[in-house]
């Protein structure tokens, strides 16, 4: 008699990490669209907070990818980091 395979369940930490990645993509996209409307202290504080959030998310994703072989999670984080870098450089030089 064959032994039935156990289905791999997605744990709660991985779901939470995926929601954080989606939140990061939404925040970077909304920053890119509203970048020209930010004035005063907001034009400095919003990109700094986004960069800090991206750095923390990159560290968490790299640790998770090494430990659980979930390296596919690195790609959307890398794309959002590159886009954020482009938006910040655009704000500085334009």
PDB file of N, CA and C in Angstrom:
ATOM      1  N   UNK A   1       0.836  -1.167   0.000  1.00  0.00           N
ATOM      2  CA  UNK A   1       0.000   0.000   0.000  1.00  0.00           C
ATOM      3  C   UNK A   1       0.885   1.236   0.000  1.00  0.00           C
ATOM      4  N   UNK A   2       0.567   2.172  -0.843  1.00  0.00           N
ATOM      5  CA  UNK A   2       1.370   3.391  -0.970  1.00  0.00           C
ATOM      6  C   UNK A   2       1.072   4.352   0.177  1.00  0.00           C
ATOM      7  N   UNK A   3       2.128   5.017   0.591  1.00  0.00           N
ATOM      8  CA  UNK A   3       1.987   6.008   1.659  1.00  0.00           C
ATOM      9  C   UNK A   3       1.579   7.335   1.029  1.00  0.00           C
ATOM     10  N   UNK A   4       0.495   7.937   1.481  1.00  0.00           N
ATOM     11  CA  UNK A   4       0.073   9.218   0.880  1.00  0.00           C
ATOM     12  C   UNK A   4       1.071  10.330   1.203  1.00  0.00           C
ATOM     13  N   UNK A   5       1.273  11.188   0.230  1.00  0.00           N
ATOM     14  CA  UNK A   5       2.189  12.312   0.426  1.00  0.00           C
ATOM     15  C   UNK A   5       1.550  13.360   1.323  1.00  0.00           C
ATOM     16  N   UNK A   6       2.395  13.981   2.117  1.00  0.00           N
ATOM     17  CA  UNK A   6       1.913  15.076   2.953  1.00  0.00           C
ATOM     18  C   UNK A   6       1.941  16.350   2.122  1.00  0.00           C
ATOM     19  N   UNK A   7       0.872  17.059   2.142  1.00  0.00           N
ATOM     20  CA  UNK A   7       0.829  18.327   1.418  1.00  0.00           C
ATOM     21  C   UNK A   7       1.611  19.363   2.195  1.00  0.00           C
ATOM     22  N   UNK A   8       2.403  20.128   1.460  1.00  0.00           N
ATOM     23  CA  UNK A   8       3.208  21.175   2.089  1.00  0.00           C
ATOM     24  C   UNK A   8       2.326  22.388   2.339  1.00  0.00           C
ATOM     25  N   UNK A   9       2.167  22.730   3.600  1.00  0.00           N
ATOM     26  CA  UNK A   9       1.349  23.881   3.962  1.00  0.00           C
ATOM     27  C   UNK A   9       2.223  25.117   4.031  1.00  0.00           C
ATOM     28  N   UNK A  10       1.662  26.216   3.625  1.00  0.00           N
ATOM     29  CA  UNK A  10       2.361  27.487   3.733  1.00  0.00           C
ATOM     30  C   UNK A  10       2.179  27.997   5.158  1.00  0.00           C
ATOM     31  N   UNK A  11       3.294  28.238   5.831  1.00  0.00           N
ATOM     32  CA  UNK A  11       3.185  28.674   7.217  1.00  0.00           C
ATOM     33  C   UNK A  11       2.829  30.159   7.293  1.00  0.00           C
ATOM     34  N   UNK A  12       2.470  30.571   8.476  1.00  0.00           N
ATOM     35  CA  UNK A  12       1.975  31.934   8.677  1.00  0.00           C
ATOM     36  C   UNK A  12       3.061  32.980   8.449  1.00  0.00           C
ATOM     37  N   UNK A  13       4.312  32.638   8.764  1.00  0.00           N
ATOM     38  CA  UNK A  13       5.395  33.607   8.568  1.00  0.00           C
ATOM     39  C   UNK A  13       5.601  33.889   7.091  1.00  0.00           C
ATOM     40  N   UNK A  14       5.508  32.850   6.264  1.00  0.00           N
ATOM     41  CA  UNK A  14       5.677  33.058   4.832  1.00  0.00           C
ATOM     42  C   UNK A  14       4.531  33.892   4.260  1.00  0.00           C
ATOM     43  N   UNK A  15       3.318  33.670   4.721  1.00  0.00           N
ATOM     44  CA  UNK A  15       2.193  34.494   4.268  1.00  0.00           C
ATOM     45  C   UNK A  15       2.386  35.952   4.681  1.00  0.00           C
ATOM     46  N   UNK A  16       2.821  36.157   5.908  1.00  0.00           N
ATOM     47  CA  UNK A  16       3.052  37.516   6.387  1.00  0.00           C
ATOM     48  C   UNK A  16       4.160  38.193   5.587  1.00  0.00           C
ATOM     49  N   UNK A  17       5.215  37.448   5.249  1.00  0.00           N
ATOM     50  CA  UNK A  17       6.296  37.992   4.442  1.00  0.00           C
ATOM     51  C   UNK A  17       5.811  38.353   3.042  1.00  0.00           C
ATOM     52  N   UNK A  18       4.954  37.542   2.486  1.00  0.00           N
ATOM     53  CA  UNK A  18       4.408  37.852   1.162  1.00  0.00           C
ATOM     54  C   UNK A  18       3.535  39.104   1.205  1.00  0.00           C
ATOM     55  N   UNK A  19       2.770  39.267   2.283  1.00  0.00           N
ATOM     56  CA  UNK A  19       1.973  40.484   2.425  1.00  0.00           C
ATOM     57  C   UNK A  19       2.871  41.708   2.598  1.00  0.00           C
ATOM     58  N   UNK A  20       3.978  41.561   3.309  1.00  0.00           N
ATOM     59  CA  UNK A  20       4.927  42.668   3.439  1.00  0.00           C
ATOM     60  C   UNK A  20       5.549  43.035   2.104  1.00  0.00           C
ATOM     61  N   UNK A  21       5.833  42.039   1.277  1.00  0.00           N
ATOM     62  CA  UNK A  21       6.391  42.305  -0.051  1.00  0.00           C
ATOM     63  C   UNK A  21       5.370  43.031  -0.917  1.00  0.00           C
ATOM     64  N   UNK A  22       4.117  42.596  -0.860  1.00  0.00           N
ATOM     65  CA  UNK A  22       3.073  43.294  -1.618  1.00  0.00           C
ATOM     66  C   UNK A  22       2.881  44.719  -1.118  1.00  0.00           C
ATOM     67  N   UNK A  23       2.928  44.912   0.188  1.00  0.00           N
ATOM     68  CA  UNK A  23       2.818  46.254   0.758  1.00  0.00           C
ATOM     69  C   UNK A  23       3.976  47.128   0.290  1.00  0.00           C
ATOM     70  N   UNK A  24       5.165  46.556   0.221  1.00  0.00           N
ATOM     71  CA  UNK A  24       6.330  47.294  -0.237  1.00  0.00           C
ATOM     72  C   UNK A  24       6.158  47.732  -1.690  1.00  0.00           C
ATOM     73  N   UNK A  25       5.675  46.844  -2.530  1.00  0.00           N
ATOM     74  CA  UNK A  25       5.453  47.200  -3.932  1.00  0.00           C
ATOM     75  C   UNK A  25       4.411  48.311  -4.073  1.00  0.00           C
ATOM     76  N   UNK A  26       3.351  48.233  -3.279  1.00  0.00           N
ATOM     77  CA  UNK A  26       2.307  49.264  -3.323  1.00  0.00           C
ATOM     78  C   UNK A  26       2.851  50.601  -2.825  1.00  0.00           C
ATOM     79  N   UNK A  27       3.621  50.580  -1.742  1.00  0.00           N
ATOM     80  CA  UNK A  27       4.178  51.826  -1.199  1.00  0.00           C
ATOM     81  C   UNK A  27       5.161  52.472  -2.161  1.00  0.00           C
ATOM     82  N   UNK A  28       6.011  51.669  -2.802  1.00  0.00           N
ATOM     83  CA  UNK A  28       6.969  52.225  -3.760  1.00  0.00           C
ATOM     84  C   UNK A  28       6.242  52.796  -4.976  1.00  0.00           C
ATOM     85  N   UNK A  29       5.221  52.089  -5.453  1.00  0.00           N
ATOM     86  CA  UNK A  29       4.457  52.595  -6.600  1.00  0.00           C
ATOM     87  C   UNK A  29       3.718  53.883  -6.249  1.00  0.00           C
ATOM     88  N   UNK A  30       3.140  53.939  -5.061  1.00  0.00           N
ATOM     89  CA  UNK A  30       2.424  55.162  -4.677  1.00  0.00           C
ATOM     90  C   UNK A  30       3.394  56.314  -4.447  1.00  0.00           C
ATOM     91  N   UNK A  31       4.589  56.020  -3.952  1.00  0.00           N
ATOM     92  CA  UNK A  31       5.597  57.073  -3.817  1.00  0.00           C
ATOM     93  C   UNK A  31       6.025  57.584  -5.192  1.00  0.00           C
ATOM     94  N   UNK A  32       6.175  56.684  -6.137  1.00  0.00           N
ATOM     95  CA  UNK A  32       6.546  57.103  -7.488  1.00  0.00           C
ATOM     96  C   UNK A  32       5.498  57.972  -8.149  1.00  0.00           C
ATOM     97  N   UNK A  33       4.219  57.702  -7.865  1.00  0.00           N
ATOM     98  CA  UNK A  33       3.159  58.496  -8.477  1.00  0.00           C
ATOM     99  C   UNK A  33       2.969  59.841  -7.785  1.00  0.00           C
ATOM    100  N   UNK A  34       3.194  59.908  -6.468  1.00  0.00           N
ATOM    101  CA  UNK A  34       2.938  61.144  -5.730  1.00  0.00           C
ATOM    102  C   UNK A  34       4.220  61.884  -5.361  1.00  0.00           C
ATOM    103  N   UNK A  35       5.303  61.550  -5.986  1.00  0.00           N
ATOM    104  CA  UNK A  35       6.600  62.118  -5.642  1.00  0.00           C
ATOM    105  C   UNK A  35       6.659  63.628  -5.875  1.00  0.00           C
ATOM    106  N   UNK A  36       6.067  64.093  -6.927  1.00  0.00           N
ATOM    107  CA  UNK A  36       6.144  65.515  -7.245  1.00  0.00           C
ATOM    108  C   UNK A  36       5.241  66.368  -6.351  1.00  0.00           C
ATOM    109  N   UNK A  37       4.301  65.744  -5.654  1.00  0.00           N
ATOM    110  CA  UNK A  37       3.374  66.484  -4.797  1.00  0.00           C
ATOM    111  C   UNK A  37       3.855  66.618  -3.356  1.00  0.00           C
ATOM    112  N   UNK A  38       4.949  65.955  -3.011  1.00  0.00           N
ATOM    113  CA  UNK A  38       5.462  66.026  -1.642  1.00  0.00           C
ATOM    114  C   UNK A  38       6.245  67.317  -1.449  1.00  0.00           C
ATOM    115  N   UNK A  39       5.976  68.014  -0.356  1.00  0.00           N
ATOM    116  CA  UNK A  39       6.667  69.274  -0.070  1.00  0.00           C
ATOM    117  C   UNK A  39       7.196  69.259   1.357  1.00  0.00           C
ATOM    118  N   UNK A  40       8.197  70.051   1.586  1.00  0.00           N
ATOM    119  CA  UNK A  40       8.723  70.244   2.936  1.00  0.00           C
ATOM    120  C   UNK A  40       9.387  69.009   3.493  1.00  0.00           C
ATOM    121  N   UNK A  41       9.088  68.742   4.750  1.00  0.00           N
ATOM    122  CA  UNK A  41       9.707  67.615   5.441  1.00  0.00           C
ATOM    123  C   UNK A  41       9.241  66.271   4.884  1.00  0.00           C
ATOM    124  N   UNK A  42       8.049  66.236   4.264  1.00  0.00           N
ATOM    125  CA  UNK A  42       7.547  64.987   3.702  1.00  0.00           C
ATOM    126  C   UNK A  42       8.420  64.502   2.550  1.00  0.00           C
ATOM    127  N   UNK A  43       8.994  65.426   1.794  1.00  0.00           N
ATOM    128  CA  UNK A  43       9.822  65.025   0.652  1.00  0.00           C
ATOM    129  C   UNK A  43      11.116  64.365   1.089  1.00  0.00           C
ATOM    130  N   UNK A  44      11.492  64.531   2.348  1.00  0.00           N
ATOM    131  CA  UNK A  44      12.680  63.875   2.877  1.00  0.00           C
ATOM    132  C   UNK A  44      12.333  62.656   3.730  1.00  0.00           C
ATOM    133  N   UNK A  45      11.278  62.744   4.519  1.00  0.00           N
ATOM    134  CA  UNK A  45      10.979  61.661   5.457  1.00  0.00           C
ATOM    135  C   UNK A  45      10.385  60.427   4.781  1.00  0.00           C
ATOM    136  N   UNK A  46       9.562  60.610   3.763  1.00  0.00           N
ATOM    137  CA  UNK A  46       8.932  59.457   3.103  1.00  0.00           C
ATOM    138  C   UNK A  46       9.974  58.559   2.429  1.00  0.00           C
ATOM    139  N   UNK A  47      10.917  59.092   1.628  1.00  0.00           N
ATOM    140  CA  UNK A  47      11.909  58.194   1.045  1.00  0.00           C
ATOM    141  C   UNK A  47      12.823  57.536   2.076  1.00  0.00           C
ATOM    142  N   UNK A  48      13.142  58.246   3.153  1.00  0.00           N
ATOM    143  CA  UNK A  48      13.992  57.651   4.192  1.00  0.00           C
ATOM    144  C   UNK A  48      13.277  56.470   4.843  1.00  0.00           C
ATOM    145  N   UNK A  49      11.987  56.635   5.149  1.00  0.00           N
ATOM    146  CA  UNK A  49      11.238  55.528   5.749  1.00  0.00           C
ATOM    147  C   UNK A  49      11.096  54.361   4.775  1.00  0.00           C
ATOM    148  N   UNK A  50      10.895  54.668   3.494  1.00  0.00           N
ATOM    149  CA  UNK A  50      10.794  53.594   2.511  1.00  0.00           C
ATOM    150  C   UNK A  50      12.112  52.846   2.353  1.00  0.00           C
ATOM    151  N   UNK A  51      13.219  53.564   2.366  1.00  0.00           N
ATOM    152  CA  UNK A  51      14.526  52.914   2.252  1.00  0.00           C
ATOM    153  C   UNK A  51      14.785  52.025   3.463  1.00  0.00           C
ATOM    154  N   UNK A  52      14.461  52.507   4.665  1.00  0.00           N
ATOM    155  CA  UNK A  52      14.637  51.692   5.865  1.00  0.00           C
ATOM    156  C   UNK A  52      13.752  50.446   5.825  1.00  0.00           C
ATOM    157  N   UNK A  53      12.516  50.607   5.383  1.00  0.00           N
ATOM    158  CA  UNK A  53      11.608  49.463   5.269  1.00  0.00           C
ATOM    159  C   UNK A  53      12.143  48.457   4.254  1.00  0.00           C
ATOM    160  N   UNK A  54      12.690  48.955   3.136  1.00  0.00           N
ATOM    161  CA  UNK A  54      13.246  48.069   2.116  1.00  0.00           C
ATOM    162  C   UNK A  54      14.470  47.324   2.620  1.00  0.00           C
ATOM    163  N   UNK A  55      15.326  48.006   3.384  1.00  0.00           N
ATOM    164  CA  UNK A  55      16.519  47.346   3.920  1.00  0.00           C
ATOM    165  C   UNK A  55      16.121  46.234   4.889  1.00  0.00           C
ATOM    166  N   UNK A  56      15.172  46.517   5.776  1.00  0.00           N
ATOM    167  CA  UNK A  56      14.720  45.485   6.713  1.00  0.00           C
ATOM    168  C   UNK A  56      14.064  44.312   5.976  1.00  0.00           C
ATOM    169  N   UNK A  57      13.267  44.631   4.970  1.00  0.00           N
ATOM    170  CA  UNK A  57      12.598  43.574   4.212  1.00  0.00           C
ATOM    171  C   UNK A  57      13.610  42.732   3.431  1.00  0.00           C
ATOM    172  N   UNK A  58      14.637  43.358   2.896  1.00  0.00           N
ATOM    173  CA  UNK A  58      15.686  42.607   2.192  1.00  0.00           C
ATOM    174  C   UNK A  58      16.401  41.658   3.142  1.00  0.00           C
ATOM    175  N   UNK A  59      16.735  42.135   4.332  1.00  0.00           N
ATOM    176  CA  UNK A  59      17.413  41.268   5.301  1.00  0.00           C
ATOM    177  C   UNK A  59      16.543  40.079   5.703  1.00  0.00           C
ATOM    178  N   UNK A  60      15.278  40.336   5.970  1.00  0.00           N
ATOM    179  CA  UNK A  60      14.367  39.253   6.355  1.00  0.00           C
ATOM    180  C   UNK A  60      14.206  38.256   5.212  1.00  0.00           C
ATOM    181  N   UNK A  61      14.073  38.760   3.989  1.00  0.00           N
ATOM    182  CA  UNK A  61      13.860  37.890   2.839  1.00  0.00           C
ATOM    183  C   UNK A  61      15.093  37.056   2.535  1.00  0.00           C
ATOM    184  N   UNK A  62      16.278  37.642   2.669  1.00  0.00           N
ATOM    185  CA  UNK A  62      17.507  36.881   2.428  1.00  0.00           C
ATOM    186  C   UNK A  62      17.659  35.772   3.461  1.00  0.00           C
ATOM    187  N   UNK A  63      17.400  36.085   4.730  1.00  0.00           N
ATOM    188  CA  UNK A  63      17.485  35.044   5.769  1.00  0.00           C
ATOM    189  C   UNK A  63      16.470  33.933   5.524  1.00  0.00           C
ATOM    190  N   UNK A  64      15.262  34.323   5.167  1.00  0.00           N
ATOM    191  CA  UNK A  64      14.214  33.336   4.912  1.00  0.00           C
ATOM    192  C   UNK A  64      14.541  32.494   3.671  1.00  0.00           C
ATOM    193  N   UNK A  65      15.078  33.139   2.647  1.00  0.00           N
ATOM    194  CA  UNK A  65      15.407  32.419   1.421  1.00  0.00           C
ATOM    195  C   UNK A  65      16.517  31.408   1.612  1.00  0.00           C
ATOM    196  N   UNK A  66      17.484  31.725   2.430  1.00  0.00           N
ATOM    197  CA  UNK A  66      18.566  30.782   2.705  1.00  0.00           C
ATOM    198  C   UNK A  66      18.100  29.617   3.562  1.00  0.00           C
ATOM    199  N   UNK A  67      17.277  29.918   4.533  1.00  0.00           N
ATOM    200  CA  UNK A  67      16.875  28.902   5.499  1.00  0.00           C
ATOM    201  C   UNK A  67      15.851  27.928   4.921  1.00  0.00           C
ATOM    202  N   UNK A  68      14.875  28.446   4.211  1.00  0.00           N
ATOM    203  CA  UNK A  68      13.760  27.608   3.772  1.00  0.00           C
ATOM    204  C   UNK A  68      13.731  27.372   2.269  1.00  0.00           C
ATOM    205  N   UNK A  69      14.770  27.802   1.583  1.00  0.00           N
ATOM    206  CA  UNK A  69      14.862  27.657   0.124  1.00  0.00           C
ATOM    207  C   UNK A  69      13.699  28.350  -0.580  1.00  0.00           C
ATOM    208  N   UNK A  70      13.346  29.515  -0.091  1.00  0.00           N
ATOM    209  CA  UNK A  70      12.308  30.337  -0.721  1.00  0.00           C
ATOM    210  C   UNK A  70      12.960  31.498  -1.455  1.00  0.00           C
ATOM    211  N   UNK A  71      13.901  31.181  -2.315  1.00  0.00           N
ATOM    212  CA  UNK A  71      14.663  32.243  -2.972  1.00  0.00           C
ATOM    213  C   UNK A  71      13.839  33.010  -4.003  1.00  0.00           C
ATOM    214  N   UNK A  72      12.699  32.477  -4.404  1.00  0.00           N
ATOM    215  CA  UNK A  72      11.851  33.198  -5.352  1.00  0.00           C
ATOM    216  C   UNK A  72      11.283  34.473  -4.740  1.00  0.00           C
ATOM    217  N   UNK A  73      11.303  34.602  -3.430  1.00  0.00           N
ATOM    218  CA  UNK A  73      10.816  35.817  -2.782  1.00  0.00           C
ATOM    219  C   UNK A  73      11.779  36.985  -2.949  1.00  0.00           C
ATOM    220  N   UNK A  74      13.018  36.701  -3.334  1.00  0.00           N
ATOM    221  CA  UNK A  74      14.010  37.770  -3.483  1.00  0.00           C
ATOM    222  C   UNK A  74      13.729  38.660  -4.688  1.00  0.00           C
ATOM    223  N   UNK A  75      13.142  38.118  -5.734  1.00  0.00           N
ATOM    224  CA  UNK A  75      12.964  38.876  -6.967  1.00  0.00           C
ATOM    225  C   UNK A  75      12.038  40.082  -6.831  1.00  0.00           C
ATOM    226  N   UNK A  76      10.849  39.964  -6.242  1.00  0.00           N
ATOM    227  CA  UNK A  76      10.026  41.173  -6.111  1.00  0.00           C
ATOM    228  C   UNK A  76      10.639  42.212  -5.174  1.00  0.00           C
ATOM    229  N   UNK A  77      11.389  41.762  -4.158  1.00  0.00           N
ATOM    230  CA  UNK A  77      12.048  42.709  -3.261  1.00  0.00           C
ATOM    231  C   UNK A  77      13.154  43.445  -3.991  1.00  0.00           C
ATOM    232  N   UNK A  78      13.899  42.729  -4.825  1.00  0.00           N
ATOM    233  CA  UNK A  78      14.960  43.369  -5.607  1.00  0.00           C
ATOM    234  C   UNK A  78      14.382  44.361  -6.608  1.00  0.00           C
ATOM    235  N   UNK A  79      13.278  44.011  -7.236  1.00  0.00           N
ATOM    236  CA  UNK A  79      12.643  44.923  -8.197  1.00  0.00           C
ATOM    237  C   UNK A  79      12.145  46.185  -7.495  1.00  0.00           C
ATOM    238  N   UNK A  80      11.529  46.031  -6.339  1.00  0.00           N
ATOM    239  CA  UNK A  80      11.045  47.214  -5.629  1.00  0.00           C
ATOM    240  C   UNK A  80      12.199  48.076  -5.131  1.00  0.00           C
ATOM    241  N   UNK A  81      13.313  47.456  -4.745  1.00  0.00           N
ATOM    242  CA  UNK A  81      14.475  48.236  -4.309  1.00  0.00           C
ATOM    243  C   UNK A  81      15.081  49.024  -5.464  1.00  0.00           C
ATOM    244  N   UNK A  82      15.154  48.400  -6.622  1.00  0.00           N
ATOM    245  CA  UNK A  82      15.680  49.101  -7.800  1.00  0.00           C
ATOM    246  C   UNK A  82      14.762  50.249  -8.192  1.00  0.00           C
ATOM    247  N   UNK A  83      13.458  50.017  -8.176  1.00  0.00           N
ATOM    248  CA  UNK A  83      12.505  51.085  -8.506  1.00  0.00           C
ATOM    249  C   UNK A  83      12.581  52.223  -7.496  1.00  0.00           C
ATOM    250  N   UNK A  84      12.694  51.890  -6.221  1.00  0.00           N
ATOM    251  CA  UNK A  84      12.808  52.921  -5.200  1.00  0.00           C
ATOM    252  C   UNK A  84      14.087  53.732  -5.380  1.00  0.00           C
ATOM    253  N   UNK A  85      15.179  53.056  -5.690  1.00  0.00           N
ATOM    254  CA  UNK A  85      16.422  53.773  -5.963  1.00  0.00           C
ATOM    255  C   UNK A  85      16.291  54.717  -7.144  1.00  0.00           C
ATOM    256  N   UNK A  86      15.602  54.267  -8.185  1.00  0.00           N
ATOM    257  CA  UNK A  86      15.370  55.127  -9.344  1.00  0.00           C
ATOM    258  C   UNK A  86      14.526  56.343  -8.964  1.00  0.00           C
ATOM    259  N   UNK A  87      13.476  56.141  -8.185  1.00  0.00           N
ATOM    260  CA  UNK A  87      12.614  57.249  -7.788  1.00  0.00           C
ATOM    261  C   UNK A  87      13.345  58.251  -6.891  1.00  0.00           C
ATOM    262  N   UNK A  88      14.174  57.744  -5.981  1.00  0.00           N
ATOM    263  CA  UNK A  88      14.918  58.640  -5.095  1.00  0.00           C
ATOM    264  C   UNK A  88      15.937  59.447  -5.894  1.00  0.00           C
ATOM    265  N   UNK A  89      16.639  58.796  -6.805  1.00  0.00           N
ATOM    266  CA  UNK A  89      17.606  59.532  -7.638  1.00  0.00           C
ATOM    267  C   UNK A  89      16.907  60.530  -8.539  1.00  0.00           C
ATOM    268  N   UNK A  90      15.732  60.182  -9.024  1.00  0.00           N
ATOM    269  CA  UNK A  90      14.951  61.115  -9.833  1.00  0.00           C
ATOM    270  C   UNK A  90      14.555  62.340  -9.017  1.00  0.00           C
ATOM    271  N   UNK A  91      14.188  62.124  -7.749  1.00  0.00           N
ATOM    272  CA  UNK A  91      13.799  63.245  -6.890  1.00  0.00           C
ATOM    273  C   UNK A  91      14.995  64.139  -6.581  1.00  0.00           C
ATOM    274  N   UNK A  92      16.173  63.550  -6.479  1.00  0.00           N
ATOM    275  CA  UNK A  92      17.355  64.345  -6.150  1.00  0.00           C
ATOM    276  C   UNK A  92      17.810  65.180  -7.346  1.00  0.00           C
ATOM    277  N   UNK A  93      17.843  64.594  -8.512  1.00  0.00           N
ATOM    278  CA  UNK A  93      18.427  65.266  -9.676  1.00  0.00           C
ATOM    279  C   UNK A  93      17.450  66.014 -10.554  1.00  0.00           C
ATOM    280  N   UNK A  94      16.159  65.867 -10.321  1.00  0.00           N
ATOM    281  CA  UNK A  94      15.192  66.579 -11.179  1.00  0.00           C
ATOM    282  C   UNK A  94      14.506  67.669 -10.398  1.00  0.00           C
TER     283      UNK A  94
END
